[in-house]
PDB file of N, CA and C in Angstrom:
ATOM      1  N   MET A   1      78.247 148.274 -98.108  1.00  0.00           N
ATOM      2  CA  MET A   1      77.353 149.268 -97.566  1.00  0.00           C
ATOM      3  C   MET A   1      78.209 150.325 -96.889  1.00  0.00           C
ATOM      4  N   SER A   2      78.091 151.538 -97.280  1.00  0.00           N
ATOM      5  CA  SER A   2      78.833 152.625 -96.666  1.00  0.00           C
ATOM      6  C   SER A   2      77.976 153.318 -95.626  1.00  0.00           C
ATOM      7  N   SER A   3      78.624 153.763 -94.556  1.00  0.00           N
ATOM      8  CA  SER A   3      77.882 154.552 -93.581  1.00  0.00           C
ATOM      9  C   SER A   3      77.571 155.899 -94.215  1.00  0.00           C
ATOM     10  N   GLN A   4      76.441 156.417 -93.928  1.00  0.00           N
ATOM     11  CA  GLN A   4      75.989 157.690 -94.482  1.00  0.00           C
ATOM     12  C   GLN A   4      75.672 158.633 -93.331  1.00  0.00           C
ATOM     13  N   ASP A   5      75.617 159.930 -93.629  1.00  0.00           N
ATOM     14  CA  ASP A   5      75.215 160.896 -92.613  1.00  0.00           C
ATOM     15  C   ASP A   5      73.714 160.856 -92.380  1.00  0.00           C
ATOM     16  N   ALA A   6      72.984 160.317 -93.342  1.00  0.00           N
ATOM     17  CA  ALA A   6      71.525 160.253 -93.216  1.00  0.00           C
ATOM     18  C   ALA A   6      71.147 159.239 -92.147  1.00  0.00           C
ATOM     19  N   PRO A   7      70.116 159.542 -91.361  1.00  0.00           N
ATOM     20  CA  PRO A   7      69.689 158.584 -90.344  1.00  0.00           C
ATOM     21  C   PRO A   7      69.075 157.345 -91.005  1.00  0.00           C
ATOM     22  N   PRO A   8      69.106 156.220 -90.307  1.00  0.00           N
ATOM     23  CA  PRO A   8      68.490 155.029 -90.881  1.00  0.00           C
ATOM     24  C   PRO A   8      66.987 155.210 -91.018  1.00  0.00           C
ATOM     25  N   PRO A   9      66.371 154.524 -91.970  1.00  0.00           N
ATOM     26  CA  PRO A   9      64.924 154.672 -92.135  1.00  0.00           C
ATOM     27  C   PRO A   9      64.168 154.094 -90.951  1.00  0.00           C
ATOM     28  N   LYS A  10      62.994 154.649 -90.699  1.00  0.00           N
ATOM     29  CA  LYS A  10      62.110 154.110 -89.667  1.00  0.00           C
ATOM     30  C   LYS A  10      61.278 153.006 -90.284  1.00  0.00           C
ATOM     31  N   ASP A  11      60.611 152.208 -89.449  1.00  0.00           N
ATOM     32  CA  ASP A  11      59.749 151.149 -89.962  1.00  0.00           C
ATOM     33  C   ASP A  11      58.814 151.716 -91.021  1.00  0.00           C
ATOM     34  N   GLY A  12      58.743 151.041 -92.154  1.00  0.00           N
ATOM     35  CA  GLY A  12      57.848 151.453 -93.219  1.00  0.00           C
ATOM     36  C   GLY A  12      58.439 152.477 -94.176  1.00  0.00           C
ATOM     37  N   GLU A  13      59.581 153.083 -93.825  1.00  0.00           N
ATOM     38  CA  GLU A  13      60.213 154.063 -94.696  1.00  0.00           C
ATOM     39  C   GLU A  13      61.274 153.382 -95.550  1.00  0.00           C
ATOM     40  N   GLU A  14      61.575 153.997 -96.659  1.00  0.00           N
ATOM     41  CA  GLU A  14      62.655 153.510 -97.508  1.00  0.00           C
ATOM     42  C   GLU A  14      63.860 154.414 -97.316  1.00  0.00           C
ATOM     43  N   GLY A  15      65.026 153.878 -97.531  1.00  0.00           N
ATOM     44  CA  GLY A  15      66.267 154.637 -97.463  1.00  0.00           C
ATOM     45  C   GLY A  15      67.198 154.083 -98.515  1.00  0.00           C
ATOM     46  N   PRO A  16      68.503 154.383 -98.385  1.00  0.00           N
ATOM     47  CA  PRO A  16      69.430 153.861 -99.388  1.00  0.00           C
ATOM     48  C   PRO A  16      69.503 152.328 -99.372  1.00  0.00           C
ATOM     49  N   PHE A  17      69.152 151.739 -98.250  1.00  0.00           N
ATOM     50  CA  PHE A  17      69.119 150.287 -98.117  1.00  0.00           C
ATOM     51  C   PHE A  17      67.807 149.905 -97.447  1.00  0.00           C
ATOM     52  N   PRO A  18      67.249 148.772 -97.798  1.00  0.00           N
ATOM     53  CA  PRO A  18      66.022 148.333 -97.107  1.00  0.00           C
ATOM     54  C   PRO A  18      66.293 148.156 -95.609  1.00  0.00           C
ATOM     55  N   LEU A  19      65.306 148.454 -94.811  1.00  0.00           N
ATOM     56  CA  LEU A  19      65.433 148.341 -93.363  1.00  0.00           C
ATOM     57  C   LEU A  19      65.846 146.932 -92.955  1.00  0.00           C
ATOM     58  N   SER A  20      65.334 145.919 -93.631  1.00  0.00           N
ATOM     59  CA  SER A  20      65.718 144.539 -93.291  1.00  0.00           C
ATOM     60  C   SER A  20      67.216 144.317 -93.517  1.00  0.00           C
ATOM     61  N   THR A  21      67.796 144.965 -94.523  1.00  0.00           N
ATOM     62  CA  THR A  21      69.237 144.851 -94.772  1.00  0.00           C
ATOM     63  C   THR A  21      70.024 145.511 -93.650  1.00  0.00           C
ATOM     64  N   LEU A  22      69.571 146.682 -93.211  1.00  0.00           N
ATOM     65  CA  LEU A  22      70.242 147.363 -92.097  1.00  0.00           C
ATOM     66  C   LEU A  22      70.170 146.522 -90.827  1.00  0.00           C
ATOM     67  N   ARG A  23      69.012 145.952 -90.566  1.00  0.00           N
ATOM     68  CA  ARG A  23      68.866 145.108 -89.371  1.00  0.00           C
ATOM     69  C   ARG A  23      69.779 143.889 -89.452  1.00  0.00           C
ATOM     70  N   HIS A  24      69.860 143.302 -90.621  1.00  0.00           N
ATOM     71  CA  HIS A  24      70.737 142.146 -90.809  1.00  0.00           C
ATOM     72  C   HIS A  24      72.193 142.542 -90.544  1.00  0.00           C
ATOM     73  N   SER A  25      72.592 143.694 -91.059  1.00  0.00           N
ATOM     74  CA  SER A  25      73.960 144.169 -90.863  1.00  0.00           C
ATOM     75  C   SER A  25      74.247 144.451 -89.387  1.00  0.00           C
ATOM     76  N   VAL A  26      73.297 145.053 -88.703  1.00  0.00           N
ATOM     77  CA  VAL A  26      73.479 145.350 -87.276  1.00  0.00           C
ATOM     78  C   VAL A  26      73.561 144.056 -86.464  1.00  0.00           C
ATOM     79  N   SER A  27      72.843 143.016 -86.888  1.00  0.00           N
ATOM     80  CA  SER A  27      72.947 141.744 -86.169  1.00  0.00           C
ATOM     81  C   SER A  27      74.361 141.177 -86.292  1.00  0.00           C
ATOM     82  N   HIS A  28      75.005 141.370 -87.456  1.00  0.00           N
ATOM     83  CA  HIS A  28      76.398 140.936 -87.614  1.00  0.00           C
ATOM     84  C   HIS A  28      77.321 141.777 -86.736  1.00  0.00           C
ATOM     85  N   LEU A  29      77.041 143.059 -86.647  1.00  0.00           N
ATOM     86  CA  LEU A  29      77.816 143.944 -85.790  1.00  0.00           C
ATOM     87  C   LEU A  29      77.707 143.498 -84.329  1.00  0.00           C
ATOM     88  N   MET A  30      76.492 143.166 -83.906  1.00  0.00           N
ATOM     89  CA  MET A  30      76.294 142.696 -82.541  1.00  0.00           C
ATOM     90  C   MET A  30      77.028 141.373 -82.315  1.00  0.00           C
ATOM     91  N   ALA A  31      76.953 140.470 -83.275  1.00  0.00           N
ATOM     92  CA  ALA A  31      77.643 139.182 -83.139  1.00  0.00           C
ATOM     93  C   ALA A  31      79.149 139.393 -83.009  1.00  0.00           C
ATOM     94  N   SER A  32      79.700 140.333 -83.764  1.00  0.00           N
ATOM     95  CA  SER A  32      81.134 140.628 -83.655  1.00  0.00           C
ATOM     96  C   SER A  32      81.485 141.144 -82.269  1.00  0.00           C
ATOM     97  N   ALA A  33      80.622 141.985 -81.718  1.00  0.00           N
ATOM     98  CA  ALA A  33      80.862 142.518 -80.372  1.00  0.00           C
ATOM     99  C   ALA A  33      80.780 141.405 -79.327  1.00  0.00           C
ATOM    100  N   VAL A  34      79.783 140.547 -79.439  1.00  0.00           N
ATOM    101  CA  VAL A  34      79.648 139.434 -78.488  1.00  0.00           C
ATOM    102  C   VAL A  34      80.849 138.503 -78.608  1.00  0.00           C
ATOM    103  N   GLU A  35      81.269 138.230 -79.831  1.00  0.00           N
ATOM    104  CA  GLU A  35      82.426 137.355 -80.053  1.00  0.00           C
ATOM    105  C   GLU A  35      83.680 137.922 -79.388  1.00  0.00           C
ATOM    106  N   LYS A  36      83.844 139.235 -79.456  1.00  0.00           N
ATOM    107  CA  LYS A  36      85.007 139.895 -78.837  1.00  0.00           C
ATOM    108  C   LYS A  36      84.923 139.845 -77.311  1.00  0.00           C
ATOM    109  N   LEU A  37      83.730 140.118 -76.763  1.00  0.00           N
ATOM    110  CA  LEU A  37      83.561 140.195 -75.310  1.00  0.00           C
ATOM    111  C   LEU A  37      83.375 138.835 -74.647  1.00  0.00           C
ATOM    112  N   ARG A  38      82.876 137.875 -75.386  1.00  0.00           N
ATOM    113  CA  ARG A  38      82.613 136.541 -74.855  1.00  0.00           C
ATOM    114  C   ARG A  38      83.246 135.479 -75.763  1.00  0.00           C
ATOM    115  N   PRO A  39      84.580 135.356 -75.711  1.00  0.00           N
ATOM    116  CA  PRO A  39      85.231 134.351 -76.551  1.00  0.00           C
ATOM    117  C   PRO A  39      84.603 132.973 -76.315  1.00  0.00           C
ATOM    118  N   GLY A  40      84.445 132.240 -77.377  1.00  0.00           N
ATOM    119  CA  GLY A  40      83.834 130.920 -77.274  1.00  0.00           C
ATOM    120  C   GLY A  40      82.330 130.928 -77.432  1.00  0.00           C
ATOM    121  N   ALA A  41      81.739 132.107 -77.606  1.00  0.00           N
ATOM    122  CA  ALA A  41      80.286 132.183 -77.810  1.00  0.00           C
ATOM    123  C   ALA A  41      79.912 131.383 -79.053  1.00  0.00           C
ATOM    124  N   GLN A  42      78.840 130.627 -78.944  1.00  0.00           N
ATOM    125  CA  GLN A  42      78.302 129.885 -80.087  1.00  0.00           C
ATOM    126  C   GLN A  42      77.106 130.658 -80.612  1.00  0.00           C
ATOM    127  N   PHE A  43      77.060 130.844 -81.921  1.00  0.00           N
ATOM    128  CA  PHE A  43      75.995 131.619 -82.528  1.00  0.00           C
ATOM    129  C   PHE A  43      74.983 130.718 -83.198  1.00  0.00           C
ATOM    130  N   GLY A  44      73.711 131.007 -82.931  1.00  0.00           N
ATOM    131  CA  GLY A  44      72.626 130.356 -83.650  1.00  0.00           C
ATOM    132  C   GLY A  44      72.330 131.225 -84.854  1.00  0.00           C
ATOM    133  N   PHE A  45      71.082 131.555 -85.028  1.00  0.00           N
ATOM    134  CA  PHE A  45      70.690 132.392 -86.147  1.00  0.00           C
ATOM    135  C   PHE A  45      69.948 133.594 -85.615  1.00  0.00           C
ATOM    136  N   GLY A  46      70.034 134.703 -86.313  1.00  0.00           N
ATOM    137  CA  GLY A  46      69.418 135.933 -85.856  1.00  0.00           C
ATOM    138  C   GLY A  46      68.806 136.714 -86.989  1.00  0.00           C
ATOM    139  N   PRO A  47      67.652 136.325 -87.404  1.00  0.00           N
ATOM    140  CA  PRO A  47      67.033 137.030 -88.528  1.00  0.00           C
ATOM    141  C   PRO A  47      66.473 138.389 -88.130  1.00  0.00           C
ATOM    142  N   SER A  48      66.304 139.242 -89.139  1.00  0.00           N
ATOM    143  CA  SER A  48      65.578 140.480 -88.884  1.00  0.00           C
ATOM    144  C   SER A  48      64.096 140.113 -88.774  1.00  0.00           C
ATOM    145  N   ILE A  49      63.405 140.835 -87.927  1.00  0.00           N
ATOM    146  CA  ILE A  49      61.974 140.614 -87.710  1.00  0.00           C
ATOM    147  C   ILE A  49      61.262 141.954 -87.865  1.00  0.00           C
ATOM    148  N   GLU A  50      59.983 141.972 -87.658  1.00  0.00           N
ATOM    149  CA  GLU A  50      59.186 143.165 -87.942  1.00  0.00           C
ATOM    150  C   GLU A  50      59.716 144.439 -87.289  1.00  0.00           C
ATOM    151  N   HIS A  51      60.121 144.374 -86.032  1.00  0.00           N
ATOM    152  CA  HIS A  51      60.547 145.589 -85.323  1.00  0.00           C
ATOM    153  C   HIS A  51      61.991 145.513 -84.855  1.00  0.00           C
ATOM    154  N   GLY A  52      62.841 144.830 -85.593  1.00  0.00           N
ATOM    155  CA  GLY A  52      64.238 144.741 -85.206  1.00  0.00           C
ATOM    156  C   GLY A  52      64.851 143.436 -85.675  1.00  0.00           C
ATOM    157  N   PHE A  53      65.551 142.778 -84.767  1.00  0.00           N
ATOM    158  CA  PHE A  53      66.160 141.492 -85.059  1.00  0.00           C
ATOM    159  C   PHE A  53      66.413 140.792 -83.739  1.00  0.00           C
ATOM    160  N   TYR A  54      66.740 139.525 -83.821  1.00  0.00           N
ATOM    161  CA  TYR A  54      67.200 138.820 -82.630  1.00  0.00           C
ATOM    162  C   TYR A  54      68.338 137.910 -83.037  1.00  0.00           C
ATOM    163  N   TYR A  55      69.074 137.440 -82.046  1.00  0.00           N
ATOM    164  CA  TYR A  55      70.178 136.532 -82.305  1.00  0.00           C
ATOM    165  C   TYR A  55      70.243 135.560 -81.152  1.00  0.00           C
ATOM    166  N   ASP A  56      70.311 134.278 -81.463  1.00  0.00           N
ATOM    167  CA  ASP A  56      70.466 133.260 -80.424  1.00  0.00           C
ATOM    168  C   ASP A  56      71.951 133.017 -80.192  1.00  0.00           C
ATOM    169  N   PHE A  57      72.354 133.035 -78.913  1.00  0.00           N
ATOM    170  CA  PHE A  57      73.729 132.757 -78.526  1.00  0.00           C
ATOM    171  C   PHE A  57      73.727 131.647 -77.492  1.00  0.00           C
ATOM    172  N   GLU A  58      74.787 130.876 -77.478  1.00  0.00           N
ATOM    173  CA  GLU A  58      75.060 130.000 -76.350  1.00  0.00           C
ATOM    174  C   GLU A  58      76.328 130.539 -75.709  1.00  0.00           C
ATOM    175  N   LEU A  59      76.210 130.923 -74.445  1.00  0.00           N
ATOM    176  CA  LEU A  59      77.315 131.534 -73.717  1.00  0.00           C
ATOM    177  C   LEU A  59      77.617 130.725 -72.464  1.00  0.00           C
ATOM    178  N   ALA A  60      78.845 130.786 -72.010  1.00  0.00           N
ATOM    179  CA  ALA A  60      79.229 130.077 -70.781  1.00  0.00           C
ATOM    180  C   ALA A  60      78.478 130.633 -69.578  1.00  0.00           C
ATOM    181  N   GLU A  61      78.240 131.924 -69.573  1.00  0.00           N
ATOM    182  CA  GLU A  61      77.504 132.599 -68.498  1.00  0.00           C
ATOM    183  C   GLU A  61      76.386 133.418 -69.120  1.00  0.00           C
ATOM    184  N   PRO A  62      75.217 133.479 -68.473  1.00  0.00           N
ATOM    185  CA  PRO A  62      74.117 134.274 -69.042  1.00  0.00           C
ATOM    186  C   PRO A  62      74.454 135.761 -69.082  1.00  0.00           C
ATOM    187  N   LEU A  63      73.845 136.452 -70.030  1.00  0.00           N
ATOM    188  CA  LEU A  63      74.008 137.898 -70.113  1.00  0.00           C
ATOM    189  C   LEU A  63      73.237 138.576 -68.989  1.00  0.00           C
ATOM    190  N   GLU A  64      73.802 139.660 -68.497  1.00  0.00           N
ATOM    191  CA  GLU A  64      73.134 140.498 -67.506  1.00  0.00           C
ATOM    192  C   GLU A  64      72.952 141.885 -68.114  1.00  0.00           C
ATOM    193  N   GLU A  65      72.165 142.701 -67.466  1.00  0.00           N
ATOM    194  CA  GLU A  65      71.892 144.052 -67.961  1.00  0.00           C
ATOM    195  C   GLU A  65      73.184 144.816 -68.240  1.00  0.00           C
ATOM    196  N   LYS A  66      74.163 144.725 -67.345  1.00  0.00           N
ATOM    197  CA  LYS A  66      75.429 145.447 -67.531  1.00  0.00           C
ATOM    198  C   LYS A  66      76.163 144.981 -68.791  1.00  0.00           C
ATOM    199  N   ASP A  67      75.973 143.720 -69.175  1.00  0.00           N
ATOM    200  CA  ASP A  67      76.615 143.196 -70.377  1.00  0.00           C
ATOM    201  C   ASP A  67      76.066 143.861 -71.635  1.00  0.00           C
ATOM    202  N   LEU A  68      74.787 144.201 -71.626  1.00  0.00           N
ATOM    203  CA  LEU A  68      74.181 144.831 -72.806  1.00  0.00           C
ATOM    204  C   LEU A  68      74.831 146.170 -73.108  1.00  0.00           C
ATOM    205  N   LYS A  69      75.157 146.926 -72.067  1.00  0.00           N
ATOM    206  CA  LYS A  69      75.829 148.212 -72.253  1.00  0.00           C
ATOM    207  C   LYS A  69      77.231 148.000 -72.828  1.00  0.00           C
ATOM    208  N   LYS A  70      77.919 146.970 -72.352  1.00  0.00           N
ATOM    209  CA  LYS A  70      79.251 146.662 -72.878  1.00  0.00           C
ATOM    210  C   LYS A  70      79.175 146.242 -74.344  1.00  0.00           C
ATOM    211  N   ILE A  71      78.174 145.451 -74.672  1.00  0.00           N
ATOM    212  CA  ILE A  71      77.996 145.009 -76.060  1.00  0.00           C
ATOM    213  C   ILE A  71      77.726 146.210 -76.953  1.00  0.00           C
ATOM    214  N   GLU A  72      76.837 147.095 -76.511  1.00  0.00           N
ATOM    215  CA  GLU A  72      76.535 148.288 -77.308  1.00  0.00           C
ATOM    216  C   GLU A  72      77.783 149.150 -77.496  1.00  0.00           C
ATOM    217  N   LYS A  73      78.556 149.328 -76.437  1.00  0.00           N
ATOM    218  CA  LYS A  73      79.783 150.123 -76.525  1.00  0.00           C
ATOM    219  C   LYS A  73      80.759 149.497 -77.522  1.00  0.00           C
ATOM    220  N   GLU A  74      80.890 148.178 -77.473  1.00  0.00           N
ATOM    221  CA  GLU A  74      81.790 147.490 -78.406  1.00  0.00           C
ATOM    222  C   GLU A  74      81.270 147.584 -79.842  1.00  0.00           C
ATOM    223  N   MET A  75      79.957 147.513 -80.004  1.00  0.00           N
ATOM    224  CA  MET A  75      79.376 147.675 -81.345  1.00  0.00           C
ATOM    225  C   MET A  75      79.735 149.046 -81.916  1.00  0.00           C
ATOM    226  N   ARG A  76      79.621 150.073 -81.096  1.00  0.00           N
ATOM    227  CA  ARG A  76      79.955 151.427 -81.551  1.00  0.00           C
ATOM    228  C   ARG A  76      81.442 151.538 -81.901  1.00  0.00           C
ATOM    229  N   ARG A  77      82.284 150.900 -81.093  1.00  0.00           N
ATOM    230  CA  ARG A  77      83.728 150.922 -81.352  1.00  0.00           C
ATOM    231  C   ARG A  77      84.039 150.244 -82.688  1.00  0.00           C
ATOM    232  N   ILE A  78      83.437 149.087 -82.914  1.00  0.00           N
ATOM    233  CA  ILE A  78      83.650 148.356 -84.170  1.00  0.00           C
ATOM    234  C   ILE A  78      83.153 149.183 -85.354  1.00  0.00           C
ATOM    235  N   ALA A  79      81.978 149.787 -85.209  1.00  0.00           N
ATOM    236  CA  ALA A  79      81.397 150.576 -86.299  1.00  0.00           C
ATOM    237  C   ALA A  79      82.278 151.779 -86.650  1.00  0.00           C
ATOM    238  N   LYS A  80      82.878 152.409 -85.644  1.00  0.00           N
ATOM    239  CA  LYS A  80      83.774 153.547 -85.907  1.00  0.00           C
ATOM    240  C   LYS A  80      85.043 153.086 -86.612  1.00  0.00           C
ATOM    241  N   ARG A  81      85.546 151.950 -86.182  1.00  0.00           N
ATOM    242  CA  ARG A  81      86.788 151.419 -86.744  1.00  0.00           C
ATOM    243  C   ARG A  81      86.585 150.919 -88.177  1.00  0.00           C
ATOM    244  N   SER A  82      85.421 150.387 -88.459  1.00  0.00           N
ATOM    245  CA  SER A  82      85.126 149.794 -89.765  1.00  0.00           C
ATOM    246  C   SER A  82      83.830 150.378 -90.306  1.00  0.00           C
ATOM    247  N   PRO A  83      83.872 151.610 -90.837  1.00  0.00           N
ATOM    248  CA  PRO A  83      82.624 152.254 -91.251  1.00  0.00           C
ATOM    249  C   PRO A  83      81.938 151.614 -92.451  1.00  0.00           C
ATOM    250  N   GLU A  84      82.637 150.764 -93.201  1.00  0.00           N
ATOM    251  CA  GLU A  84      81.997 150.125 -94.345  1.00  0.00           C
ATOM    252  C   GLU A  84      81.754 148.652 -94.065  1.00  0.00           C
ATOM    253  N   LEU A  85      80.569 148.219 -94.393  1.00  0.00           N
ATOM    254  CA  LEU A  85      80.241 146.805 -94.333  1.00  0.00           C
ATOM    255  C   LEU A  85      80.181 146.309 -95.767  1.00  0.00           C
ATOM    256  N   VAL A  86      80.811 145.208 -96.017  1.00  0.00           N
ATOM    257  CA  VAL A  86      80.861 144.675 -97.365  1.00  0.00           C
ATOM    258  C   VAL A  86      80.129 143.350 -97.389  1.00  0.00           C
ATOM    259  N   CYS A  87      79.189 143.250 -98.294  1.00  0.00           N
ATOM    260  CA  CYS A  87      78.446 142.010 -98.477  1.00  0.00           C
ATOM    261  C   CYS A  87      79.240 141.130 -99.431  1.00  0.00           C
ATOM    262  N   SER A  88      79.504 139.921 -99.008  1.00  0.00           N
ATOM    263  CA  SER A  88      80.210 139.001 -99.895  1.00  0.00           C
ATOM    264  C   SER A  88      79.506 137.655 -99.872  1.00  0.00           C
ATOM    265  N   GLU A  89      79.579 136.982-100.993  1.00  0.00           N
ATOM    266  CA  GLU A  89      78.988 135.659-101.091  1.00  0.00           C
ATOM    267  C   GLU A  89      80.098 134.630-101.090  1.00  0.00           C
ATOM    268  N   LEU A  90      79.873 133.558-100.359  1.00  0.00           N
ATOM    269  CA  LEU A  90      80.833 132.473-100.284  1.00  0.00           C
ATOM    270  C   LEU A  90      80.205 131.217-100.845  1.00  0.00           C
ATOM    271  N   SER A  91      81.038 130.359-101.389  1.00  0.00           N
ATOM    272  CA  SER A  91      80.536 129.045-101.784  1.00  0.00           C
ATOM    273  C   SER A  91      80.228 128.275-100.507  1.00  0.00           C
ATOM    274  N   ARG A  92      79.475 127.224-100.609  1.00  0.00           N
ATOM    275  CA  ARG A  92      79.168 126.404 -99.432  1.00  0.00           C
ATOM    276  C   ARG A  92      80.454 125.890 -98.781  1.00  0.00           C
ATOM    277  N   GLU A  93      81.410 125.518 -99.605  1.00  0.00           N
ATOM    278  CA  GLU A  93      82.682 125.002 -99.079  1.00  0.00           C
ATOM    279  C   GLU A  93      83.444 126.084 -98.313  1.00  0.00           C
ATOM    280  N   GLU A  94      83.471 127.305 -98.874  1.00  0.00           N
ATOM    281  CA  GLU A  94      84.147 128.413 -98.201  1.00  0.00           C
ATOM    282  C   GLU A  94      83.447 128.766 -96.888  1.00  0.00           C
ATOM    283  N   ALA A  95      82.118 128.798 -96.925  1.00  0.00           N
ATOM    284  CA  ALA A  95      81.355 129.121 -95.714  1.00  0.00           C
ATOM    285  C   ALA A  95      81.607 128.072 -94.639  1.00  0.00           C
ATOM    286  N   ARG A  96      81.556 126.800 -95.033  1.00  0.00           N
ATOM    287  CA  ARG A  96      81.795 125.714 -94.073  1.00  0.00           C
ATOM    288  C   ARG A  96      83.197 125.825 -93.470  1.00  0.00           C
ATOM    289  N   ALA A  97      84.194 126.055 -94.308  1.00  0.00           N
ATOM    290  CA  ALA A  97      85.568 126.166 -93.820  1.00  0.00           C
ATOM    291  C   ALA A  97      85.719 127.327 -92.833  1.00  0.00           C
ATOM    292  N   ARG A  98      85.097 128.445 -93.146  1.00  0.00           N
ATOM    293  CA  ARG A  98      85.166 129.604 -92.253  1.00  0.00           C
ATOM    294  C   ARG A  98      84.489 129.311 -90.911  1.00  0.00           C
ATOM    295  N   LEU A  99      83.325 128.667 -90.958  1.00  0.00           N
ATOM    296  CA  LEU A  99      82.600 128.348 -89.728  1.00  0.00           C
ATOM    297  C   LEU A  99      83.319 127.290 -88.903  1.00  0.00           C
ATOM    298  N   VAL A 100      83.905 126.302 -89.557  1.00  0.00           N
ATOM    299  CA  VAL A 100      84.680 125.276 -88.845  1.00  0.00           C
ATOM    300  C   VAL A 100      85.884 125.936 -88.173  1.00  0.00           C
ATOM    301  N   ALA A 101      86.572 126.829 -88.879  1.00  0.00           N
ATOM    302  CA  ALA A 101      87.740 127.520 -88.320  1.00  0.00           C
ATOM    303  C   ALA A 101      87.369 128.340 -87.094  1.00  0.00           C
ATOM    304  N   LYS A 102      86.149 128.876 -87.086  1.00  0.00           N
ATOM    305  CA  LYS A 102      85.682 129.672 -85.945  1.00  0.00           C
ATOM    306  C   LYS A 102      84.977 128.813 -84.897  1.00  0.00           C
ATOM    307  N   ASP A 103      84.921 127.503 -85.130  1.00  0.00           N
ATOM    308  CA  ASP A 103      84.282 126.553 -84.222  1.00  0.00           C
ATOM    309  C   ASP A 103      82.815 126.909 -83.957  1.00  0.00           C
ATOM    310  N   GLN A 104      82.102 127.304 -85.001  1.00  0.00           N
ATOM    311  CA  GLN A 104      80.685 127.647 -84.891  1.00  0.00           C
ATOM    312  C   GLN A 104      79.835 126.435 -85.284  1.00  0.00           C
ATOM    313  N   THR A 105      79.723 125.503 -84.356  1.00  0.00           N
ATOM    314  CA  THR A 105      79.106 124.205 -84.641  1.00  0.00           C
ATOM    315  C   THR A 105      77.639 124.298 -85.029  1.00  0.00           C
ATOM    316  N   TYR A 106      76.895 125.246 -84.482  1.00  0.00           N
ATOM    317  CA  TYR A 106      75.473 125.357 -84.813  1.00  0.00           C
ATOM    318  C   TYR A 106      75.247 125.792 -86.256  1.00  0.00           C
ATOM    319  N   LYS A 107      76.236 126.469 -86.823  1.00  0.00           N
ATOM    320  CA  LYS A 107      76.067 126.995 -88.170  1.00  0.00           C
ATOM    321  C   LYS A 107      76.663 126.108 -89.253  1.00  0.00           C
ATOM    322  N   VAL A 108      77.550 125.187 -88.889  1.00  0.00           N
ATOM    323  CA  VAL A 108      78.229 124.379 -89.899  1.00  0.00           C
ATOM    324  C   VAL A 108      77.262 123.541 -90.707  1.00  0.00           C
ATOM    325  N   GLU A 109      76.433 122.784 -90.053  1.00  0.00           N
ATOM    326  CA  GLU A 109      75.515 121.874 -90.757  1.00  0.00           C
ATOM    327  C   GLU A 109      74.525 122.622 -91.643  1.00  0.00           C
ATOM    328  N   PRO A 110      73.829 123.651 -91.141  1.00  0.00           N
ATOM    329  CA  PRO A 110      72.895 124.372 -92.023  1.00  0.00           C
ATOM    330  C   PRO A 110      73.598 125.062 -93.191  1.00  0.00           C
ATOM    331  N   ALA A 111      74.829 125.477 -93.024  1.00  0.00           N
ATOM    332  CA  ALA A 111      75.544 126.164 -94.107  1.00  0.00           C
ATOM    333  C   ALA A 111      75.912 125.217 -95.244  1.00  0.00           C
ATOM    334  N   THR A 112      75.871 123.937 -94.981  1.00  0.00           N
ATOM    335  CA  THR A 112      76.255 122.974 -96.018  1.00  0.00           C
ATOM    336  C   THR A 112      75.077 122.242 -96.607  1.00  0.00           C
ATOM    337  N   ARG A 113      73.865 122.636 -96.250  1.00  0.00           N
ATOM    338  CA  ARG A 113      72.674 122.003 -96.826  1.00  0.00           C
ATOM    339  C   ARG A 113      72.449 122.418 -98.243  1.00  0.00           C
TER     340      ARG A 113
END
C-alpha cells in the first residue's frame, strides 16, 4: 500500500483501498508505536470496527492521556520514515516463529490454529 496525496475515504466512501484495510493498517502502525514506546508490551487483537479500530494491549503500566499524544507522535514518525506498507502472507510456521521471537504469547496459539 503506497501513501497517496489523496485523503483517506470517510465512512461509507470508497477510495484506492477499502476503509477497513486502512483501519487495519493504522492498527499495525499504532502497535509499532506502542512497541517502540513500551518495550515488552503484549498485543491482543485489534480488529477494525464500524467507526475505527481497537487494539488490546497488556502493559506494565496503564496508559495515560499524555501517552496517547506520544503514541500519535511516534505513529507519525514511523509513517514518515516508512511511507509504504506492504501486505505479506506468512505460513503458519513463519507466523509462529516471528511471534515467538517477539515474545507475543497472546498471539502464538491463535496463529497456529
